């Protein structure tokens, strides 16, 4: 079941430092600031849900700054979905500033710098989603962040209801061990998130061309012979043009292809879509199992078999 972390029972002068450690370990390293350290209270109850985590946070007013120097302090840099149940927050990421009110859903990327401002006490439910579960579903992951689904909109109602159902399963002793509940719930939740932010992609002169290339690659991830040459030929362009398209967004097509394959394998393993590591490797275009395992561990800091345990 869940793990409770609370400042209750902690000496007053040590509460803020204790809470900073909790945020560092359970969410993301960042610089926390409060107005008065002598009256600060906060708690979070964290439950595992498959490869994700869902938590209920209750806290007094606080500011969080996740700086560039904080990004490499831990290996995980996941995506968070926050549902505000009491209070409000001001959030900034990618030079986008949004305000989250009660009922709003905020989606942000812990792999990028951000700033949170909670001016008063608040309550929120957060789901931590491993990046690979969304990598193959969202075309421009590097632009994800500060996405608000306003209360009352269609996608807000959909994502909130899925978060509530996920919370119910994760906190229920009778349901959490039932994998046939966990896997489809995560599949639907991640699909809803990807659809809800699909209209927020930035306009770019070559965005349509690049989107077509990415879509083609995703549809052929299981082709072990997929190469820059075959991709370029299928898209009626030269390899040089293909490389230029990715260079404009600071990536290379070869690395992007490998990341997509690794993310696809991560999804298949964590959602129980394959029976073993070998099947995951071959299904996503890796010819050499040892090479796949090394790249997987380099990318995610864990052996692929650990997702099956």
Protein backbone atom coordinates (compact mmCIF):
# COMPACT_ATOMS: atom_id res chain seq x y z
CA UNK A 1 0.00 0.00 0.00
CA UNK A 2 0.97 3.67 0.23
CA UNK A 3 3.79 5.50 1.97
CA UNK A 4 2.95 8.52 4.12
CA UNK A 5 5.43 11.37 4.50
CA UNK A 6 4.38 14.11 6.90
CA UNK A 7 5.92 16.98 8.85
CA UNK A 8 3.66 16.04 11.77
CA UNK A 9 5.87 14.69 14.52
CA UNK A 10 8.94 16.46 13.13
CA UNK A 11 10.47 19.21 15.24
CA UNK A 12 9.28 22.59 14.05
CA UNK A 13 12.71 23.89 13.06
CA UNK A 14 13.40 20.72 11.03
CA UNK A 15 10.10 20.48 9.15
CA UNK A 16 11.05 22.45 6.08
CA UNK A 17 14.34 20.57 5.62
CA UNK A 18 12.47 17.28 6.04
CA UNK A 19 9.93 18.31 3.42
CA UNK A 20 12.67 19.40 1.02
CA UNK A 21 14.14 15.90 1.28
CA UNK A 22 10.72 14.35 0.56
CA UNK A 23 10.27 16.52 -2.53
CA UNK A 24 13.81 15.70 -3.67
CA UNK A 25 13.27 11.93 -3.39
CA UNK A 26 9.61 11.54 -4.38
CA UNK A 27 9.15 14.29 -6.97
CA UNK A 28 12.12 16.28 -8.27
CA UNK A 29 15.15 18.11 -6.82
CA UNK A 30 14.41 21.81 -6.63
CA UNK A 31 14.86 24.90 -4.49
CA UNK A 32 11.98 25.35 -2.03
CA UNK A 33 11.11 28.64 -0.38
CA UNK A 34 8.62 29.51 2.36
CA UNK A 35 7.81 32.72 4.19
CA UNK A 36 8.04 31.32 7.72
CA UNK A 37 9.82 28.07 8.58
CA UNK A 38 8.37 27.97 12.09
CA UNK A 39 4.78 27.25 11.05
CA UNK A 40 5.20 25.07 7.95
CA UNK A 41 3.16 21.86 7.55
CA UNK A 42 2.95 19.43 4.64
CA UNK A 43 2.26 15.79 3.88
CA UNK A 44 1.99 13.40 0.95
CA UNK A 45 0.64 9.87 0.62
CA UNK A 46 2.33 8.02 -2.25
CA UNK A 47 0.95 4.85 -3.86
CA UNK A 48 2.55 2.84 -6.63
CA UNK A 49 0.39 2.06 -9.64
CA UNK A 50 2.19 -0.19 -12.08
CA UNK A 51 5.20 1.83 -13.23
CA UNK A 52 3.58 5.10 -12.14
CA UNK A 53 3.02 6.74 -8.75
CA UNK A 54 -0.04 8.60 -7.51
CA UNK A 55 0.06 10.90 -4.50
CA UNK A 56 -2.11 13.24 -2.47
CA UNK A 57 -0.26 16.37 -1.42
CA UNK A 58 -1.38 18.75 1.32
CA UNK A 59 0.87 21.74 1.98
CA UNK A 60 1.08 25.26 3.31
CA UNK A 61 2.10 28.03 0.92
CA UNK A 62 5.43 27.33 -0.78
CA UNK A 63 7.51 28.20 -3.85
CA UNK A 64 9.51 25.67 -5.89
CA UNK A 65 12.20 26.48 -8.45
CA UNK A 66 13.60 23.59 -10.47
CA UNK A 67 16.78 25.02 -11.92
CA UNK A 68 19.10 23.72 -14.62
CA UNK A 69 21.60 22.70 -11.93
CA UNK A 70 18.91 20.45 -10.37
CA UNK A 71 18.16 18.44 -13.52
CA UNK A 72 20.92 15.83 -13.24
CA UNK A 73 20.77 15.19 -9.50
CA UNK A 74 18.58 12.10 -9.96
CA UNK A 75 18.11 9.84 -12.97
CA UNK A 76 14.33 10.15 -13.24
CA UNK A 77 12.79 13.02 -15.17
CA UNK A 78 9.17 12.01 -15.57
CA UNK A 79 5.94 13.71 -16.58
CA UNK A 80 3.54 14.87 -13.87
CA UNK A 81 -0.22 15.30 -14.02
CA UNK A 82 -1.54 17.50 -11.23
CA UNK A 83 -5.21 17.93 -10.31
CA UNK A 84 -5.84 20.87 -7.97
CA UNK A 85 -8.48 20.12 -5.33
CA UNK A 86 -7.95 23.13 -3.03
CA UNK A 87 -6.06 26.39 -3.46
CA UNK A 88 -4.29 27.60 -6.59
CA UNK A 89 -0.85 27.68 -8.21
CA UNK A 90 1.11 29.78 -10.65
CA UNK A 91 3.37 27.72 -12.90
CA UNK A 92 6.02 28.56 -15.49
CA UNK A 93 7.83 26.31 -17.97
CA UNK A 94 9.14 26.87 -21.52
CA UNK A 95 8.45 30.61 -21.04
CA UNK A 96 4.76 29.76 -20.66
CA UNK A 97 2.98 31.05 -17.56
CA UNK A 98 -0.29 29.51 -16.42
CA UNK A 99 -2.50 29.60 -13.34
CA UNK A 100 -4.00 26.39 -11.99
CA UNK A 101 -7.30 26.76 -10.18
CA UNK A 102 -9.44 24.19 -8.37
CA UNK A 103 -10.47 21.48 -10.83
CA UNK A 104 -7.81 22.34 -13.40
CA UNK A 105 -5.37 19.71 -14.65
CA UNK A 106 -1.74 20.77 -15.09
CA UNK A 107 0.73 18.68 -17.10
CA UNK A 108 4.42 19.42 -16.70
CA UNK A 109 7.83 17.94 -17.43
CA UNK A 110 10.24 17.39 -14.53
CA UNK A 111 13.04 16.98 -17.06
CA UNK A 112 12.97 20.73 -17.76
CA UNK A 113 13.37 23.75 -15.47
CA UNK A 114 10.15 25.09 -13.98
CA UNK A 115 8.79 27.35 -11.27
CA UNK A 116 5.81 26.65 -8.99
CA UNK A 117 4.18 29.33 -6.84
CA UNK A 118 1.59 28.24 -4.29
CA UNK A 119 0.51 31.54 -2.64
CA UNK A 120 -1.74 29.81 -0.07
CA UNK A 121 -2.23 26.35 1.41
CA UNK A 122 -3.31 23.81 -1.18
CA UNK A 123 -4.28 20.20 -1.87
CA UNK A 124 -3.53 18.34 -5.09
CA UNK A 125 -3.47 14.85 -6.53
CA UNK A 126 -0.40 14.07 -8.68
CA UNK A 127 0.39 11.19 -10.97
CA UNK A 128 4.01 10.60 -11.92
CA UNK A 129 4.18 9.02 -15.38
CA UNK A 130 7.48 7.57 -16.64
CA UNK A 131 8.54 9.50 -19.72
CA UNK A 132 8.73 6.41 -21.98
CA UNK A 133 4.99 5.77 -21.55
CA UNK A 134 4.35 9.03 -23.42
CA UNK A 135 7.40 9.34 -25.67
CA UNK A 136 5.91 7.39 -28.58
CA UNK A 137 2.52 9.09 -28.21
CA UNK A 138 3.42 12.78 -28.12
CA UNK A 139 5.25 14.09 -31.22
CA UNK A 140 7.06 17.00 -29.55
CA UNK A 141 7.87 15.83 -26.04
CA UNK A 142 10.49 18.55 -25.70
CA UNK A 143 7.70 21.15 -25.75
CA UNK A 144 5.47 19.42 -23.21
CA UNK A 145 5.00 21.47 -20.04
CA UNK A 146 2.72 24.13 -18.57
CA UNK A 147 -0.24 22.52 -20.30
CA UNK A 148 -3.50 23.42 -18.55
CA UNK A 149 -6.74 21.51 -19.06
CA UNK A 150 -9.28 23.98 -17.72
CA UNK A 151 -12.04 22.68 -15.46
CA UNK A 152 -15.21 21.85 -17.38
CA UNK A 153 -13.59 21.18 -20.77
CA UNK A 154 -13.96 17.78 -22.41
CA UNK A 155 -10.36 16.67 -21.96
CA UNK A 156 -10.30 18.01 -18.41
CA UNK A 157 -13.32 15.92 -17.48
CA UNK A 158 -11.82 12.87 -19.20
CA UNK A 159 -8.37 13.12 -17.59
CA UNK A 160 -9.79 13.97 -14.16
CA UNK A 161 -12.11 10.97 -14.25
CA UNK A 162 -9.20 8.72 -15.24
CA UNK A 163 -7.07 10.16 -12.43
CA UNK A 164 -9.91 9.46 -9.98
CA UNK A 165 -10.27 5.88 -11.22
CA UNK A 166 -6.50 5.39 -11.06
CA UNK A 167 -6.50 6.74 -7.51
CA UNK A 168 -9.28 4.34 -6.53
CA UNK A 169 -7.39 1.31 -7.86
CA UNK A 170 -4.02 2.40 -6.44
CA UNK A 171 -5.40 2.91 -2.93
CA UNK A 172 -7.60 -0.19 -2.87
CA UNK A 173 -6.10 -3.30 -1.29
CA UNK A 174 -8.52 -5.45 -3.29
CA UNK A 175 -7.72 -3.94 -6.69
CA UNK A 176 -4.06 -2.87 -6.77
CA UNK A 177 -2.75 -6.43 -7.21
CA UNK A 178 -5.05 -7.03 -10.17
CA UNK A 179 -2.77 -6.35 -13.14
CA UNK A 180 -5.66 -6.54 -15.59
CA UNK A 181 -6.96 -3.30 -13.98
CA UNK A 182 -3.58 -1.53 -13.92
CA UNK A 183 -2.49 -2.10 -17.51
CA UNK A 184 -5.62 -0.86 -19.35
CA UNK A 185 -6.00 2.05 -16.92
CA UNK A 186 -2.48 3.30 -17.71
CA UNK A 187 -3.00 2.76 -21.43
CA UNK A 188 -6.18 4.85 -21.45
CA UNK A 189 -4.72 7.54 -19.17
CA UNK A 190 -1.57 8.05 -21.24
CA UNK A 191 -3.60 8.09 -24.47
CA UNK A 192 -5.93 10.73 -23.03
CA UNK A 193 -2.99 12.86 -21.95
CA UNK A 194 -1.34 12.63 -25.37
CA UNK A 195 -4.58 13.60 -27.14
CA UNK A 196 -5.26 16.46 -24.73
CA UNK A 197 -1.94 18.18 -25.48
CA UNK A 198 -1.79 17.39 -29.21
CA UNK A 199 -3.17 20.79 -30.12
CA UNK A 200 -0.49 22.65 -28.16
CA UNK A 201 2.45 21.95 -30.44
CA UNK A 202 4.35 25.05 -31.58
CA UNK A 203 4.10 26.23 -35.18
CA UNK A 204 7.26 25.61 -37.16
CA UNK A 205 7.94 26.06 -40.90
CA UNK A 206 8.90 22.40 -41.26
CA UNK A 207 6.62 21.02 -38.53
CA UNK A 208 4.27 19.23 -40.94
CA UNK A 209 7.15 17.58 -42.80
CA UNK A 210 8.87 16.55 -39.59
CA UNK A 211 5.58 15.28 -38.13
CA UNK A 212 5.10 13.07 -41.20
CA UNK A 213 8.61 11.64 -40.76
CA UNK A 214 8.06 10.96 -37.07
CA UNK A 215 4.72 9.33 -37.76
CA UNK A 216 6.31 7.05 -40.36
CA UNK A 217 9.07 6.04 -37.95
CA UNK A 218 6.56 5.22 -35.20
CA UNK A 219 4.59 3.02 -37.55
CA UNK A 220 7.72 1.03 -38.48
CA UNK A 221 9.50 0.67 -35.15
CA UNK A 222 9.32 -3.13 -35.40
CA UNK A 223 11.21 -3.11 -38.71
CA UNK A 224 14.78 -4.08 -37.81
CA UNK A 225 15.96 -2.91 -41.25
CA UNK A 226 14.58 0.60 -40.77
CA UNK A 227 17.43 3.01 -41.50
CA UNK A 228 17.97 6.66 -42.38
CA UNK A 229 18.09 5.65 -46.03
CA UNK A 230 14.78 3.77 -45.99
CA UNK A 231 13.10 6.55 -43.99
CA UNK A 232 14.33 9.23 -46.37
CA UNK A 233 13.28 7.22 -49.42
CA UNK A 234 9.79 6.62 -48.02
CA UNK A 235 9.41 10.36 -47.39
CA UNK A 236 10.78 11.33 -50.82
CA UNK A 237 13.75 13.26 -49.46
CA UNK A 238 17.49 12.89 -49.13
CA UNK A 239 19.23 11.69 -45.99
CA UNK A 240 20.76 15.15 -45.75
CA UNK A 241 17.30 16.77 -45.73
CA UNK A 242 16.14 14.25 -43.14
CA UNK A 243 19.08 15.10 -40.90
CA UNK A 244 18.44 18.84 -41.36
CA UNK A 245 14.81 18.47 -40.24
CA UNK A 246 15.89 16.90 -36.97
CA UNK A 247 18.83 19.29 -36.56
CA UNK A 248 16.38 22.20 -36.51
CA UNK A 249 14.93 20.81 -33.27
CA UNK A 250 18.34 19.88 -31.84
CA UNK A 251 18.19 16.14 -32.51
CA UNK A 252 19.48 13.54 -34.95
CA UNK A 253 17.17 11.08 -36.73
CA UNK A 254 19.28 8.11 -35.64
CA UNK A 255 19.10 9.02 -31.96
CA UNK A 256 15.39 9.85 -32.20
CA UNK A 257 14.71 6.46 -33.80
CA UNK A 258 16.61 4.63 -31.06
CA UNK A 259 14.83 6.59 -28.32
CA UNK A 260 11.47 5.71 -29.84
CA UNK A 261 12.40 2.04 -30.02
CA UNK A 262 13.58 2.02 -26.42
CA UNK A 263 10.44 3.84 -25.28
CA UNK A 264 8.27 1.37 -27.18
CA UNK A 265 10.03 -1.52 -25.48
CA UNK A 266 9.66 0.18 -22.08
CA UNK A 267 5.91 0.55 -22.67
CA UNK A 268 5.52 -3.06 -23.78
CA UNK A 269 7.42 -4.36 -20.74
CA UNK A 270 5.78 -2.12 -18.14
CA UNK A 271 2.26 -2.66 -19.48
CA UNK A 272 2.67 -6.42 -19.82
CA UNK A 273 2.33 -6.47 -23.61
CA UNK A 274 5.28 -8.86 -24.01
CA UNK A 275 6.24 -11.99 -22.12
CA UNK A 276 9.97 -11.41 -21.83
CA UNK A 277 12.86 -9.07 -22.64
CA UNK A 278 13.80 -10.92 -25.83
CA UNK A 279 10.31 -10.44 -27.25
CA UNK A 280 10.41 -6.71 -26.42
CA UNK A 281 13.82 -6.26 -28.06
CA UNK A 282 12.91 -8.03 -31.30
CA UNK A 283 9.45 -6.44 -31.47
CA UNK A 284 11.03 -2.98 -31.54
CA UNK A 285 13.75 -3.59 -34.07
CA UNK A 286 16.76 -4.61 -31.98
CA UNK A 287 18.69 -7.51 -33.51
CA UNK A 288 21.15 -7.92 -30.64
CA UNK A 289 19.70 -8.62 -27.16
CA UNK A 290 22.90 -7.60 -25.35
CA UNK A 291 23.04 -4.30 -27.25
CA UNK A 292 19.38 -3.66 -26.43
CA UNK A 293 19.90 -4.34 -22.71
CA UNK A 294 22.92 -2.00 -22.56
CA UNK A 295 21.13 0.83 -24.37
CA UNK A 296 18.03 0.33 -22.22
CA UNK A 297 20.02 0.58 -18.98
CA UNK A 298 21.93 3.61 -20.27
CA UNK A 299 18.64 5.32 -21.11
CA UNK A 300 16.54 4.46 -18.06
CA UNK A 301 19.02 3.48 -15.37
CA UNK A 302 17.54 0.00 -14.96
CA UNK A 303 17.70 -3.41 -16.59
CA UNK A 304 14.71 -4.14 -18.87
CA UNK A 305 13.90 -7.31 -16.91
CA UNK A 306 13.21 -5.21 -13.80
CA UNK A 307 9.96 -4.01 -15.40
CA UNK A 308 8.70 -7.59 -15.44
CA UNK A 309 9.40 -8.26 -11.75
